C-alpha atoms as a PDB file:
ATOM      1  CA  MET A   1     -15.027 -15.849  -2.355  1.00  0.00           C
ATOM      2  CA  VAL A   2     -13.424 -14.085   0.630  1.00  0.00           C
ATOM      3  CA  ALA A   3     -16.149 -13.368   3.202  1.00  0.00           C
ATOM      4  CA  LYS A   4     -16.711 -13.535   6.964  1.00  0.00           C
ATOM      5  CA  ASP A   5     -15.870 -16.957   8.420  1.00  0.00           C
ATOM      6  CA  SER A   6     -13.774 -18.060   5.441  1.00  0.00           C
ATOM      7  CA  VAL A   7     -10.207 -19.295   5.744  1.00  0.00           C
ATOM      8  CA  VAL A   8      -7.973 -17.389   3.354  1.00  0.00           C
ATOM      9  CA  LEU A   9      -4.419 -18.376   2.388  1.00  0.00           C
ATOM     10  CA  ILE A  10      -2.330 -15.584   0.883  1.00  0.00           C
ATOM     11  CA  HIS A  11       1.181 -14.953  -0.310  1.00  0.00           C
ATOM     12  CA  TYR A  12       2.226 -11.380   0.350  1.00  0.00           C
ATOM     13  CA  THR A  13       5.112  -8.956   0.200  1.00  0.00           C
ATOM     14  CA  LEU A  14       4.893  -6.041   2.620  1.00  0.00           C
ATOM     15  CA  THR A  15       6.691  -2.785   1.768  1.00  0.00           C
ATOM     16  CA  ASN A  16       6.812   0.689   3.293  1.00  0.00           C
ATOM     17  CA  THR A  17       6.345   3.929   1.348  1.00  0.00           C
ATOM     18  CA  GLY A  18      10.060   3.931   0.535  1.00  0.00           C
ATOM     19  CA  GLY A  19       9.712   0.550  -1.201  1.00  0.00           C
ATOM     20  CA  ASP A  20      11.708  -1.338   1.453  1.00  0.00           C
ATOM     21  CA  VAL A  21      10.548  -4.948   1.820  1.00  0.00           C
ATOM     22  CA  LEU A  22       9.538  -5.418   5.471  1.00  0.00           C
ATOM     23  CA  ASP A  23       8.157  -8.961   5.293  1.00  0.00           C
ATOM     24  CA  SER A  24       7.274 -11.568   2.692  1.00  0.00           C
ATOM     25  CA  SER A  25       5.862 -15.069   2.501  1.00  0.00           C
ATOM     26  CA  ALA A  26       7.341 -15.614  -0.981  1.00  0.00           C
ATOM     27  CA  GLU A  27      10.012 -18.090   0.164  1.00  0.00           C
ATOM     28  CA  GLY A  28       7.731 -20.064   2.473  1.00  0.00           C
ATOM     29  CA  GLU A  29       4.205 -21.256   3.004  1.00  0.00           C
ATOM     30  CA  PRO A  30       1.274 -18.927   2.427  1.00  0.00           C
ATOM     31  CA  MET A  31      -0.145 -17.199   5.486  1.00  0.00           C
ATOM     32  CA  GLY A  32      -3.615 -18.271   6.563  1.00  0.00           C
ATOM     33  CA  TYR A  33      -6.155 -16.213   8.468  1.00  0.00           C
ATOM     34  CA  LEU A  34      -9.810 -16.376   9.448  1.00  0.00           C
ATOM     35  CA  HIS A  35     -11.606 -13.563   7.626  1.00  0.00           C
ATOM     36  CA  GLY A  36     -13.752 -11.257   9.729  1.00  0.00           C
ATOM     37  CA  HIS A  37     -12.123 -12.210  13.045  1.00  0.00           C
ATOM     38  CA  SER A  38      -9.437  -9.488  13.344  1.00  0.00           C
ATOM     39  CA  ASN A  39      -6.636 -11.961  12.586  1.00  0.00           C
ATOM     40  CA  ILE A  40      -4.974  -9.403  10.277  1.00  0.00           C
ATOM     41  CA  ILE A  41      -4.962  -5.605  10.160  1.00  0.00           C
ATOM     42  CA  SER A  42      -8.314  -4.111   9.199  1.00  0.00           C
ATOM     43  CA  GLY A  43      -7.023  -2.134   6.218  1.00  0.00           C
ATOM     44  CA  LEU A  44      -5.808  -5.304   4.503  1.00  0.00           C
ATOM     45  CA  GLU A  45      -8.795  -7.418   5.491  1.00  0.00           C
ATOM     46  CA  THR A  46     -11.233  -4.850   4.038  1.00  0.00           C
ATOM     47  CA  GLN A  47      -9.448  -4.869   0.664  1.00  0.00           C
ATOM     48  CA  LEU A  48      -9.482  -8.689   0.464  1.00  0.00           C
ATOM     49  CA  GLU A  49     -13.271  -8.867   1.011  1.00  0.00           C
ATOM     50  CA  GLY A  50     -15.054 -10.313  -2.036  1.00  0.00           C
ATOM     51  CA  LYS A  51     -11.867 -11.497  -3.771  1.00  0.00           C
ATOM     52  CA  SER A  52     -11.315 -15.089  -4.949  1.00  0.00           C
ATOM     53  CA  ALA A  53      -8.511 -17.645  -5.141  1.00  0.00           C
ATOM     54  CA  GLY A  54      -6.086 -16.633  -7.887  1.00  0.00           C
ATOM     55  CA  ASP A  55      -6.761 -12.900  -7.500  1.00  0.00           C
ATOM     56  CA  LYS A  56      -3.765 -10.599  -7.162  1.00  0.00           C
ATOM     57  CA  LEU A  57      -3.873  -7.064  -5.808  1.00  0.00           C
ATOM     58  CA  VAL A  58      -1.827  -4.315  -4.241  1.00  0.00           C
ATOM     59  CA  ALA A  59      -3.465  -3.179  -1.002  1.00  0.00           C
ATOM     60  CA  ASN A  60      -2.291   0.239   0.170  1.00  0.00           C
ATOM     61  CA  VAL A  61      -3.050   0.635   3.875  1.00  0.00           C
ATOM     62  CA  LYS A  62      -2.902   3.932   5.761  1.00  0.00           C
ATOM     63  CA  ALA A  63      -1.293   3.822   9.221  1.00  0.00           C
ATOM     64  CA  ALA A  64      -4.636   4.306  10.996  1.00  0.00           C
ATOM     65  CA  ASP A  65      -6.003   1.152   9.289  1.00  0.00           C
ATOM     66  CA  GLY A  66      -2.768  -0.773   9.811  1.00  0.00           C
ATOM     67  CA  TYR A  67      -0.799  -0.758  13.039  1.00  0.00           C
ATOM     68  CA  GLY A  68      -2.180   2.601  14.171  1.00  0.00           C
ATOM     69  CA  GLU A  69      -0.651   6.035  14.548  1.00  0.00           C
ATOM     70  CA  ARG A  70       2.360   6.460  16.828  1.00  0.00           C
ATOM     71  CA  ASP A  71       1.444   7.344  20.405  1.00  0.00           C
ATOM     72  CA  ASP A  72       4.213   9.245  22.197  1.00  0.00           C
ATOM     73  CA  ALA A  73       2.605   8.322  25.542  1.00  0.00           C
ATOM     74  CA  LEU A  74       3.743   4.733  24.898  1.00  0.00           C
ATOM     75  CA  VAL A  75       7.406   5.804  25.067  1.00  0.00           C
ATOM     76  CA  GLN A  76       8.604   5.690  28.669  1.00  0.00           C
ATOM     77  CA  ASP A  77      11.764   5.775  30.731  1.00  0.00           C
ATOM     78  CA  VAL A  78      11.877   2.820  33.121  1.00  0.00           C
ATOM     79  CA  PRO A  79      14.405   2.608  35.971  1.00  0.00           C
ATOM     80  CA  ARG A  80      17.331   0.378  34.989  1.00  0.00           C
ATOM     81  CA  SER A  81      16.774  -1.493  38.268  1.00  0.00           C
ATOM     82  CA  ALA A  82      13.429  -2.798  36.933  1.00  0.00           C
ATOM     83  CA  PHE A  83      15.334  -4.961  34.431  1.00  0.00           C
ATOM     84  CA  PRO A  84      17.271  -8.130  35.240  1.00  0.00           C
ATOM     85  CA  ALA A  85      21.064  -7.949  35.226  1.00  0.00           C
ATOM     86  CA  GLU A  86      21.160 -10.432  32.337  1.00  0.00           C
ATOM     87  CA  PRO A  87      20.641  -9.956  29.504  1.00  0.00           C
ATOM     88  CA  VAL A  88      21.881  -6.379  29.598  1.00  0.00           C
ATOM     89  CA  PRO A  89      19.224  -4.238  27.852  1.00  0.00           C
ATOM     90  CA  GLU A  90      20.315  -2.875  24.471  1.00  0.00           C
ATOM     91  CA  ALA A  91      18.516  -0.757  21.879  1.00  0.00           C
ATOM     92  CA  GLY A  92      16.458  -2.981  19.590  1.00  0.00           C
ATOM     93  CA  MET A  93      15.714  -5.675  22.193  1.00  0.00           C
ATOM     94  CA  GLN A  94      12.064  -6.524  22.727  1.00  0.00           C
ATOM     95  CA  PHE A  95      10.426  -7.527  25.989  1.00  0.00           C
ATOM     96  CA  GLN A  96       6.942  -8.376  27.160  1.00  0.00           C
ATOM     97  CA  ALA A  97       5.757  -5.925  29.787  1.00  0.00           C
ATOM     98  CA  GLN A  98       2.583  -5.909  31.848  1.00  0.00           C
ATOM     99  CA  GLY A  99       0.457  -2.917  30.968  1.00  0.00           C
ATOM    100  CA  PRO A 100      -3.027  -1.828  32.002  1.00  0.00           C
ATOM    101  CA  ASP A 101      -4.479  -3.896  29.134  1.00  0.00           C
ATOM    102  CA  GLY A 102      -2.371  -7.006  29.834  1.00  0.00           C
ATOM    103  CA  ALA A 103       0.879  -8.164  28.256  1.00  0.00           C
ATOM    104  CA  GLN A 104       2.385  -5.739  25.755  1.00  0.00           C
ATOM    105  CA  LEU A 105       5.467  -6.011  23.559  1.00  0.00           C
ATOM    106  CA  VAL A 106       7.899  -3.134  24.087  1.00  0.00           C
ATOM    107  CA  THR A 107      11.083  -2.268  22.209  1.00  0.00           C
ATOM    108  CA  VAL A 108      14.133  -0.829  23.938  1.00  0.00           C
ATOM    109  CA  THR A 109      15.084   2.407  22.178  1.00  0.00           C
ATOM    110  CA  GLY A 110      17.761   3.719  24.554  1.00  0.00           C
ATOM    111  CA  VAL A 111      19.764   2.768  27.638  1.00  0.00           C
ATOM    112  CA  THR A 112      21.596   4.888  30.234  1.00  0.00           C
ATOM    113  CA  ASP A 113      23.061   3.925  33.609  1.00  0.00           C
ATOM    114  CA  GLU A 114      19.825   5.047  35.279  1.00  0.00           C
ATOM    115  CA  ASN A 115      17.054   4.363  32.749  1.00  0.00           C
ATOM    116  CA  VAL A 116      15.914   2.155  29.905  1.00  0.00           C
ATOM    117  CA  THR A 117      13.695   3.886  27.326  1.00  0.00           C
ATOM    118  CA  VAL A 118      10.997   1.549  26.015  1.00  0.00           C
ATOM    119  CA  ASP A 119       8.509   2.082  23.202  1.00  0.00           C
ATOM    120  CA  GLY A 120       5.155   0.281  23.389  1.00  0.00           C
ATOM    121  CA  ASN A 121       4.149   1.252  19.859  1.00  0.00           C
ATOM    122  CA  HIS A 122       4.059  -1.523  17.261  1.00  0.00           C
ATOM    123  CA  PRO A 123       7.281  -1.237  15.195  1.00  0.00           C
ATOM    124  CA  LEU A 124       5.148  -0.382  12.127  1.00  0.00           C
ATOM    125  CA  ALA A 125       2.922   2.166  13.906  1.00  0.00           C
ATOM    126  CA  GLY A 126       2.654   5.462  12.048  1.00  0.00           C
ATOM    127  CA  GLN A 127       3.648   3.941   8.712  1.00  0.00           C
ATOM    128  CA  ASP A 128       1.568   3.668   5.559  1.00  0.00           C
ATOM    129  CA  LEU A 129       2.081   0.178   4.139  1.00  0.00           C
ATOM    130  CA  SER A 130       1.662  -1.655   0.852  1.00  0.00           C
ATOM    131  CA  PHE A 131       0.815  -5.350   0.556  1.00  0.00           C
ATOM    132  CA  ASP A 132       1.358  -7.093  -2.782  1.00  0.00           C
ATOM    133  CA  VAL A 133      -1.027 -10.037  -2.327  1.00  0.00           C
ATOM    134  CA  GLU A 134      -1.916 -13.226  -4.176  1.00  0.00           C
ATOM    135  CA  ILE A 135      -4.897 -15.153  -2.836  1.00  0.00           C
ATOM    136  CA  VAL A 136      -3.906 -18.817  -2.924  1.00  0.00           C
ATOM    137  CA  GLU A 137      -6.970 -20.507  -1.426  1.00  0.00           C
ATOM    138  CA  VAL A 138     -10.349 -19.646   0.068  1.00  0.00           C
ATOM    139  CA  ARG A 139     -12.415 -22.219   1.961  1.00  0.00           C
ATOM    140  CA  ALA A 140     -15.125 -22.385   4.583  1.00  0.00           C
ATOM    141  CA  ALA A 141     -13.801 -22.444   8.140  1.00  0.00           C
ATOM    142  CA  SER A 142     -14.384 -25.542  10.255  1.00  0.00           C
ATOM    143  CA  GLU A 143     -16.493 -25.376  13.410  1.00  0.00           C
ATOM    144  CA  GLU A 144     -13.301 -25.759  15.466  1.00  0.00           C
ATOM    145  CA  GLU A 145     -11.597 -22.871  13.633  1.00  0.00           C
ATOM    146  CA  LEU A 146     -14.643 -20.674  14.213  1.00  0.00           C
ATOM    147  CA  ALA A 147     -14.759 -21.633  17.900  1.00  0.00           C
ATOM    148  CA  HIS A 148     -11.041 -20.894  18.341  1.00  0.00           C
ATOM    149  CA  GLY A 149     -11.083 -17.750  16.166  1.00  0.00           C
ATOM    150  CA  HIS A 150      -8.077 -18.730  14.023  1.00  0.00           C
ATOM    151  CA  VAL A 151      -6.902 -21.077  11.252  1.00  0.00           C
ATOM    152  CA  HIS A 152      -5.714 -24.618  11.946  1.00  0.00           C
ATOM    153  CA  GLY A 153      -3.624 -26.813   9.656  1.00  0.00           C
ATOM    154  CA  ALA A 154      -2.026 -25.408   6.479  1.00  0.00           C
ATOM    155  CA  GLY A 155      -1.339 -21.696   6.871  1.00  0.00           C
ATOM    156  CA  GLY A 156      -2.349 -21.756  10.547  1.00  0.00           C
ATOM    157  CA  HIS A 157      -1.337 -23.912  13.493  1.00  0.00           C
ATOM    158  CA  ASP A 158      -2.174 -27.228  15.101  1.00  0.00           C
ATOM    159  CA  HIS A 159      -3.059 -27.760  18.745  1.00  0.00           C
ATOM    160  CA  GLY A 160      -1.389 -31.237  18.557  1.00  0.00           C
END
């Protein structure tokens, strides 16, 4: 049963309120996460609690319990001179920027001769989401997984 400190492997299809598929594990390996360790968004993790291998569900997640509400303060104009000459910034590009809370992924949303507009919001911020989920496997986490705070091996990664 899915509970704190269990490794959970799921197949999922993520859609927005318009029904557009945003991501899916259907063509690949199931995604693994360590339950109760903030490895996935809270709104999905809460709805998986208590479920078992073989269970299927549709988890509807409000923006606040997913990637958060949009924060207009995270949209900023940065002087063009702060960017390297190559590659030339274009709308849609993503960069890592240093923010007050450490490294942050930003998306370029506009470019002029003087400024580059960047958005520090997660691309799915402000969106209600739907996850069509099948729980493939549930197992106890190893001591190493608990110490590292994430899944190793199938569905996770190796430190090889």
